Protein backbone atom coordinates (compact mmCIF):
# COMPACT_ATOMS: atom_id res chain seq x y z
CA MET A 1 -13.43 169.22 232.99
CA ASP A 2 -13.48 171.13 236.29
CA ILE A 3 -14.00 168.95 239.36
CA LEU A 4 -14.37 169.29 243.11
CA LYS A 5 -14.28 165.98 245.04
CA GLU A 6 -14.00 165.43 248.76
CA ILE A 7 -10.95 163.47 249.89
CA HIS A 8 -11.96 160.84 252.44
CA THR A 9 -8.76 158.82 252.85
CA TYR A 10 -5.17 158.89 251.67
CA THR A 11 -2.14 156.66 251.38
CA LEU A 12 1.46 157.74 251.63
CA ASP A 13 4.50 156.34 249.85
CA ILE A 14 7.90 157.78 250.71
CA TYR A 15 10.63 156.38 248.49
CA SER A 16 14.20 155.59 249.43
CA GLY A 17 16.57 153.64 247.17
CA GLY A 18 19.81 155.47 247.79
CA ASN A 19 21.78 155.75 244.56
CA ASN A 20 19.15 153.67 242.72
CA ALA A 21 16.66 156.54 243.18
CA LYS A 22 18.56 158.82 240.80
CA GLY A 23 16.31 157.81 237.90
CA TYR A 24 13.06 158.10 239.87
CA GLU A 25 11.85 161.68 240.02
CA TYR A 26 9.47 161.39 243.01
CA MET A 27 10.46 161.56 246.67
CA ALA A 28 6.91 160.76 247.82
CA VAL A 29 3.39 160.22 246.47
CA ILE A 30 0.14 160.71 248.38
CA GLY A 31 -2.80 158.76 246.94
CA LEU A 32 -6.17 160.51 247.33
CA TYR A 33 -9.41 158.50 247.66
CA ALA A 34 -13.14 159.22 247.52
CA SER A 35 -15.67 157.84 250.03
CA ASP A 36 -16.28 154.76 247.88
CA GLY A 37 -12.56 153.88 247.95
CA SER A 38 -11.91 154.94 244.36
CA MET A 39 -8.63 156.75 243.71
CA ILE A 40 -9.32 160.31 242.58
CA GLY A 41 -5.79 161.68 242.37
CA GLY A 42 -2.25 161.77 243.58
CA VAL A 43 0.08 164.41 244.97
CA TYR A 44 3.57 163.88 243.51
CA PHE A 45 6.53 165.38 245.36
CA HIS A 46 9.52 165.81 243.07
CA ARG A 47 13.08 165.19 244.30
CA ASP A 48 14.34 167.98 242.06
CA SER A 49 12.24 171.07 241.35
CA THR A 50 13.44 171.05 237.73
CA THR A 51 11.31 167.94 237.05
CA VAL A 52 8.06 169.60 238.18
CA PRO A 53 5.91 169.94 235.03
CA ALA A 54 4.48 173.25 233.89
CA SER A 55 0.92 172.15 234.72
CA ASP A 56 -1.18 169.53 236.48
CA VAL A 57 -3.22 167.02 234.51
CA GLN A 58 -6.56 165.26 234.73
CA ASP A 59 -6.44 162.06 232.69
CA PRO A 60 -9.46 160.58 230.84
CA SER A 61 -10.35 158.36 233.83
CA GLY A 62 -10.73 161.50 236.00
CA TYR A 63 -7.52 160.90 238.00
CA VAL A 64 -5.79 164.20 238.85
CA TRP A 65 -1.99 164.50 238.90
CA CYS A 66 -0.92 167.22 241.39
CA HIS A 67 2.77 168.16 241.20
CA HIS A 68 4.78 169.77 244.00
CA SER A 69 8.37 170.18 245.06
CA TRP A 70 9.50 168.27 248.14
CA ASN A 71 9.46 171.57 250.07
CA ASP A 72 5.64 171.52 250.04
CA TYR A 73 5.37 168.09 251.70
CA ALA A 74 5.03 169.22 255.36
CA ALA A 75 2.28 171.77 254.62
CA ILE A 76 0.23 169.30 252.57
CA MET A 77 0.55 166.53 255.18
CA ASP A 78 -0.50 169.03 257.87
CA MET A 79 -3.59 169.91 255.85
CA LEU A 80 -4.57 166.27 255.31
CA ARG A 81 -4.03 165.38 258.99
CA ASN A 82 -5.65 168.42 260.60
CA GLU A 83 -8.34 169.84 258.31
CA ARG A 84 -11.73 168.45 257.43
CA PRO A 85 -13.21 168.43 254.93
CA VAL A 86 -10.47 168.65 252.30
CA PHE A 87 -11.34 168.66 248.61
CA LEU A 88 -9.40 167.91 245.45
CA ARG A 89 -10.14 170.61 242.90
CA TYR A 90 -9.04 170.65 239.27
CA LEU A 91 -9.53 173.64 236.98
CA ASP A 92 -9.29 172.51 233.38
CA SER A 93 -9.03 176.04 231.99
CA TRP A 94 -5.86 176.62 234.06
CA SER A 95 -4.55 173.01 234.03
CA MET A 96 -4.10 173.39 237.78
CA ALA A 97 -5.11 171.28 240.76
CA SER A 98 -5.42 172.27 244.40
CA LEU A 99 -6.21 170.81 247.78
CA THR A 100 -8.90 173.03 249.24
CA THR A 101 -10.73 173.33 252.57
CA SER A 102 -14.21 174.63 253.21
CA PRO A 103 -14.65 178.07 254.81
CA GLU A 104 -13.73 178.15 258.49
CA PRO A 105 -14.66 180.72 261.13
CA ILE A 106 -11.99 183.12 262.34
CA GLY A 107 -10.72 182.39 265.84
CA GLU A 108 -11.83 178.77 265.71
CA GLY A 109 -9.30 177.91 268.42
CA GLU A 110 -8.07 174.52 269.58
């Protein structure tokens, strides 16, 4: 099912673990939450780009799994910190999620 939900808050987990992290494929996970505090999805940053799946997934509860390589982390954090509103979108026909902003005027400035 296609969805578009506004992200109101987020949590951030950055994993360490040294040599113990070899079996854990994620470097970081950002939890995405709706206005009522319910978790609507997560952005999973893979340590190794070879573990990134071929598509994103929305599970039966509505939770959306967004997969990225670690290289995308800075751009996504910048979006969450500096843009408003930000939406979580999932397109079932493409099995693809995105973080999306609303239209903004050109030359908005500081």
